[in-house]
Amino acid sequence: MTPAKTPPSRLFVRPTLDTRFHIDFDWWERADRDLGVYLRSHLCEQHQQAFASLEADALVDSVNPETAEVTRVLGIQHTLVSHCAKQPEYLTPQTTLVNAIFRVFLANGNKPLTPAELGAQLERSGQMILRTLSGGRVYKGIRPVHED
């Protein structure tokens, strides 16, 4: 009897500096984690107060400025992108690496980036980012993009 072969697309491929990562928002539900609570921690002080009594899962329309495509996103996520991410204290040298990476993805609309690109934006080592993101544990849903 010959063992079944795993299709190449299912084999684990070790990420490299050129592997694109993003936030896998479905991971939060699969991991039974509360995305809304975590997103609140990334709001600026003004919006932390404003969202304190609002539902984190309320949806709003968001218009992509490049394509004019309208999508429904969490209101808290829209506020993060449209206001909080533009504040000077959004990313500081004191922001932990994983939080900084997560914030970059929030600010750019979750556009996939490589560790090298993240490193350039965060003024940190792309190699350190790669080691963190490929260490066998998923941090805050940040995972490689599966390209089929």
C-alpha atoms as a PDB file:
ATOM      1  CA  MET A   1       0.000   0.000   0.000  1.00  0.00           C
ATOM      2  CA  THR A   2       1.401   3.400  -1.020  1.00  0.00           C
ATOM      3  CA  PRO A   3       0.824   6.328   1.365  1.00  0.00           C
ATOM      4  CA  ALA A   4      -1.252   9.180  -0.023  1.00  0.00           C
ATOM      5  CA  LYS A   5       0.786  12.166  -1.087  1.00  0.00           C
ATOM      6  CA  THR A   6      -0.023  15.578   0.279  1.00  0.00           C
ATOM      7  CA  PRO A   7      -0.797  18.037  -2.519  1.00  0.00           C
ATOM      8  CA  PRO A   8       1.971  20.663  -2.871  1.00  0.00           C
ATOM      9  CA  SER A   9      -0.431  23.460  -1.879  1.00  0.00           C
ATOM     10  CA  ARG A  10      -0.989  21.761   1.484  1.00  0.00           C
ATOM     11  CA  LEU A  11       2.675  21.286   2.363  1.00  0.00           C
ATOM     12  CA  PHE A  12       4.083  23.583   5.001  1.00  0.00           C
ATOM     13  CA  VAL A  13       6.394  26.109   3.420  1.00  0.00           C
ATOM     14  CA  ARG A  14       8.645  27.978   5.776  1.00  0.00           C
ATOM     15  CA  PRO A  15       8.063  31.742   5.394  1.00  0.00           C
ATOM     16  CA  THR A  16      10.892  33.907   4.056  1.00  0.00           C
ATOM     17  CA  LEU A  17      11.569  37.644   3.985  1.00  0.00           C
ATOM     18  CA  ASP A  18       9.496  37.706   0.781  1.00  0.00           C
ATOM     19  CA  THR A  19       6.448  35.911   2.239  1.00  0.00           C
ATOM     20  CA  ARG A  20       3.457  38.208   2.442  1.00  0.00           C
ATOM     21  CA  PHE A  21       1.564  38.345   5.745  1.00  0.00           C
ATOM     22  CA  HIS A  22      -1.782  39.848   6.746  1.00  0.00           C
ATOM     23  CA  ILE A  23      -4.310  39.722   9.580  1.00  0.00           C
ATOM     24  CA  ASP A  24      -6.493  36.651   9.213  1.00  0.00           C
ATOM     25  CA  PHE A  25      -9.645  38.025  10.847  1.00  0.00           C
ATOM     26  CA  ASP A  26     -11.278  34.573  10.734  1.00  0.00           C
ATOM     27  CA  TRP A  27      -8.518  33.351  13.084  1.00  0.00           C
ATOM     28  CA  TRP A  28     -10.060  35.422  15.887  1.00  0.00           C
ATOM     29  CA  GLU A  29     -13.310  33.475  15.740  1.00  0.00           C
ATOM     30  CA  ARG A  30     -11.592  30.123  15.301  1.00  0.00           C
ATOM     31  CA  ALA A  31      -9.366  30.892  18.307  1.00  0.00           C
ATOM     32  CA  ASP A  32     -12.432  32.017  20.312  1.00  0.00           C
ATOM     33  CA  ARG A  33     -10.908  35.466  20.867  1.00  0.00           C
ATOM     34  CA  ASP A  34     -12.728  38.795  21.010  1.00  0.00           C
ATOM     35  CA  LEU A  35     -11.449  40.971  18.166  1.00  0.00           C
ATOM     36  CA  GLY A  36     -13.531  43.964  19.310  1.00  0.00           C
ATOM     37  CA  VAL A  37     -11.826  44.093  22.699  1.00  0.00           C
ATOM     38  CA  TYR A  38      -8.399  43.920  21.089  1.00  0.00           C
ATOM     39  CA  LEU A  39      -9.275  46.573  18.485  1.00  0.00           C
ATOM     40  CA  ARG A  40     -10.406  48.914  21.271  1.00  0.00           C
ATOM     41  CA  SER A  41      -6.907  48.762  22.748  1.00  0.00           C
ATOM     42  CA  HIS A  42      -5.556  50.268  19.507  1.00  0.00           C
ATOM     43  CA  LEU A  43      -7.899  53.265  19.497  1.00  0.00           C
ATOM     44  CA  CYS A  44      -6.578  56.701  20.365  1.00  0.00           C
ATOM     45  CA  GLU A  45      -7.574  58.009  23.794  1.00  0.00           C
ATOM     46  CA  GLN A  46     -10.411  60.125  22.362  1.00  0.00           C
ATOM     47  CA  HIS A  47     -11.996  57.148  20.590  1.00  0.00           C
ATOM     48  CA  GLN A  48     -11.425  54.709  23.461  1.00  0.00           C
ATOM     49  CA  GLN A  49     -13.805  56.907  25.438  1.00  0.00           C
ATOM     50  CA  ALA A  50     -16.222  57.259  22.521  1.00  0.00           C
ATOM     51  CA  PHE A  51     -16.374  53.486  21.914  1.00  0.00           C
ATOM     52  CA  ALA A  52     -16.512  52.536  25.596  1.00  0.00           C
ATOM     53  CA  SER A  53     -20.301  52.241  25.530  1.00  0.00           C
ATOM     54  CA  LEU A  54     -20.766  51.266  21.857  1.00  0.00           C
ATOM     55  CA  GLU A  55     -20.986  47.758  20.454  1.00  0.00           C
ATOM     56  CA  ALA A  56     -17.669  46.695  18.961  1.00  0.00           C
ATOM     57  CA  ASP A  57     -19.359  44.637  16.251  1.00  0.00           C
ATOM     58  CA  ALA A  58     -21.374  47.499  14.674  1.00  0.00           C
ATOM     59  CA  LEU A  59     -20.759  47.677  10.914  1.00  0.00           C
ATOM     60  CA  VAL A  60     -20.309  50.754   8.722  1.00  0.00           C
ATOM     61  CA  ASP A  61     -19.777  51.284   4.990  1.00  0.00           C
ATOM     62  CA  SER A  62     -16.171  51.869   3.964  1.00  0.00           C
ATOM     63  CA  VAL A  63     -15.204  53.148   0.518  1.00  0.00           C
ATOM     64  CA  ASN A  64     -11.878  52.094  -0.976  1.00  0.00           C
ATOM     65  CA  PRO A  65     -10.306  55.370  -2.214  1.00  0.00           C
ATOM     66  CA  GLU A  66      -8.510  53.601  -5.080  1.00  0.00           C
ATOM     67  CA  THR A  67     -11.325  51.391  -6.428  1.00  0.00           C
ATOM     68  CA  ALA A  68     -14.457  53.076  -4.990  1.00  0.00           C
ATOM     69  CA  GLU A  69     -15.544  49.612  -3.818  1.00  0.00           C
ATOM     70  CA  VAL A  70     -17.889  49.794  -0.829  1.00  0.00           C
ATOM     71  CA  THR A  71     -17.497  47.149   1.861  1.00  0.00           C
ATOM     72  CA  ARG A  72     -18.977  46.656   5.306  1.00  0.00           C
ATOM     73  CA  VAL A  73     -16.372  46.823   8.080  1.00  0.00           C
ATOM     74  CA  LEU A  74     -16.430  47.114  11.829  1.00  0.00           C
ATOM     75  CA  GLY A  75     -17.023  50.726  12.836  1.00  0.00           C
ATOM     76  CA  ILE A  76     -14.170  50.474  15.289  1.00  0.00           C
ATOM     77  CA  GLN A  77     -11.857  49.296  12.490  1.00  0.00           C
ATOM     78  CA  HIS A  78     -12.987  52.165  10.252  1.00  0.00           C
ATOM     79  CA  THR A  79     -12.257  54.657  13.054  1.00  0.00           C
ATOM     80  CA  LEU A  80      -8.818  53.148  13.559  1.00  0.00           C
ATOM     81  CA  VAL A  81      -7.957  53.554   9.876  1.00  0.00           C
ATOM     82  CA  SER A  82      -9.553  56.954   9.289  1.00  0.00           C
ATOM     83  CA  HIS A  83      -8.392  58.679  12.474  1.00  0.00           C
ATOM     84  CA  CYS A  84      -6.405  56.843  15.125  1.00  0.00           C
ATOM     85  CA  ALA A  85      -3.730  55.469  12.769  1.00  0.00           C
ATOM     86  CA  LYS A  86      -2.945  59.020  11.687  1.00  0.00           C
ATOM     87  CA  GLN A  87      -2.104  60.174  15.210  1.00  0.00           C
ATOM     88  CA  PRO A  88       1.591  60.569  16.130  1.00  0.00           C
ATOM     89  CA  GLU A  89       1.285  58.229  19.123  1.00  0.00           C
ATOM     90  CA  TYR A  90      -0.189  55.382  17.040  1.00  0.00           C
ATOM     91  CA  LEU A  91       3.252  53.845  16.460  1.00  0.00           C
ATOM     92  CA  THR A  92       6.055  54.640  18.852  1.00  0.00           C
ATOM     93  CA  PRO A  93       9.375  52.966  19.686  1.00  0.00           C
ATOM     94  CA  GLN A  94       7.645  51.648  22.827  1.00  0.00           C
ATOM     95  CA  THR A  95       4.927  49.825  20.851  1.00  0.00           C
ATOM     96  CA  THR A  96       5.583  46.084  21.083  1.00  0.00           C
ATOM     97  CA  LEU A  97       6.617  44.417  17.835  1.00  0.00           C
ATOM     98  CA  VAL A  98       3.450  42.343  17.428  1.00  0.00           C
ATOM     99  CA  ASN A  99       1.194  45.318  18.231  1.00  0.00           C
ATOM    100  CA  ALA A 100       3.174  47.507  15.822  1.00  0.00           C
ATOM    101  CA  ILE A 101       2.805  44.937  13.034  1.00  0.00           C
ATOM    102  CA  PHE A 102      -0.926  44.598  13.758  1.00  0.00           C
ATOM    103  CA  ARG A 103      -1.304  48.389  13.703  1.00  0.00           C
ATOM    104  CA  VAL A 104       0.475  48.663  10.356  1.00  0.00           C
ATOM    105  CA  PHE A 105      -1.976  46.167   8.855  1.00  0.00           C
ATOM    106  CA  LEU A 106      -4.938  48.021  10.376  1.00  0.00           C
ATOM    107  CA  ALA A 107      -3.677  51.340   9.030  1.00  0.00           C
ATOM    108  CA  ASN A 108      -3.091  50.027   5.507  1.00  0.00           C
ATOM    109  CA  GLY A 109      -6.457  48.244   5.249  1.00  0.00           C
ATOM    110  CA  ASN A 110      -4.825  44.841   5.836  1.00  0.00           C
ATOM    111  CA  LYS A 111      -2.851  44.980   2.590  1.00  0.00           C
ATOM    112  CA  PRO A 112      -0.416  42.035   2.725  1.00  0.00           C
ATOM    113  CA  LEU A 113       3.215  42.936   3.403  1.00  0.00           C
ATOM    114  CA  THR A 114       6.468  41.028   3.644  1.00  0.00           C
ATOM    115  CA  PRO A 115       8.631  41.076   6.795  1.00  0.00           C
ATOM    116  CA  ALA A 116      11.106  43.197   4.817  1.00  0.00           C
ATOM    117  CA  GLU A 117       8.386  45.768   4.009  1.00  0.00           C
ATOM    118  CA  LEU A 118       7.134  45.733   7.601  1.00  0.00           C
ATOM    119  CA  GLY A 119      10.701  46.205   8.820  1.00  0.00           C
ATOM    120  CA  ALA A 120      11.175  49.230   6.576  1.00  0.00           C
ATOM    121  CA  GLN A 121       7.949  50.826   7.859  1.00  0.00           C
ATOM    122  CA  LEU A 122       8.694  50.086  11.502  1.00  0.00           C
ATOM    123  CA  GLU A 123      12.434  50.770  11.320  1.00  0.00           C
ATOM    124  CA  ARG A 124      13.055  47.297  12.711  1.00  0.00           C
ATOM    125  CA  SER A 125      14.827  44.255  11.381  1.00  0.00           C
ATOM    126  CA  GLY A 126      12.872  42.331   8.749  1.00  0.00           C
ATOM    127  CA  GLN A 127      14.702  39.215   9.928  1.00  0.00           C
ATOM    128  CA  MET A 128      13.454  39.760  13.513  1.00  0.00           C
ATOM    129  CA  ILE A 129       9.914  40.245  12.212  1.00  0.00           C
ATOM    130  CA  LEU A 130      10.202  37.044  10.177  1.00  0.00           C
ATOM    131  CA  ARG A 131      11.441  35.070  13.210  1.00  0.00           C
ATOM    132  CA  THR A 132       8.552  36.411  15.287  1.00  0.00           C
ATOM    133  CA  LEU A 133       5.867  35.666  12.711  1.00  0.00           C
ATOM    134  CA  SER A 134       7.170  32.259  11.679  1.00  0.00           C
ATOM    135  CA  GLY A 135       7.969  30.879  15.126  1.00  0.00           C
ATOM    136  CA  GLY A 136       5.165  28.308  15.071  1.00  0.00           C
ATOM    137  CA  ARG A 137       2.651  30.449  16.946  1.00  0.00           C
ATOM    138  CA  VAL A 138       0.026  32.761  15.442  1.00  0.00           C
ATOM    139  CA  TYR A 139       0.131  36.198  17.049  1.00  0.00           C
ATOM    140  CA  LYS A 140      -3.097  38.203  16.877  1.00  0.00           C
ATOM    141  CA  GLY A 141      -4.164  36.442  13.683  1.00  0.00           C
ATOM    142  CA  ILE A 142      -1.102  37.617  11.737  1.00  0.00           C
ATOM    143  CA  ARG A 143      -0.448  34.828   9.248  1.00  0.00           C
ATOM    144  CA  PRO A 144       1.053  34.261   5.819  1.00  0.00           C
ATOM    145  CA  VAL A 145      -1.241  34.956   2.899  1.00  0.00           C
ATOM    146  CA  HIS A 146      -2.247  31.677   1.273  1.00  0.00           C
ATOM    147  CA  GLU A 147      -1.909  32.225  -2.423  1.00  0.00           C
ATOM    148  CA  ASP A 148      -3.485  29.528  -4.546  1.00  0.00           C
END
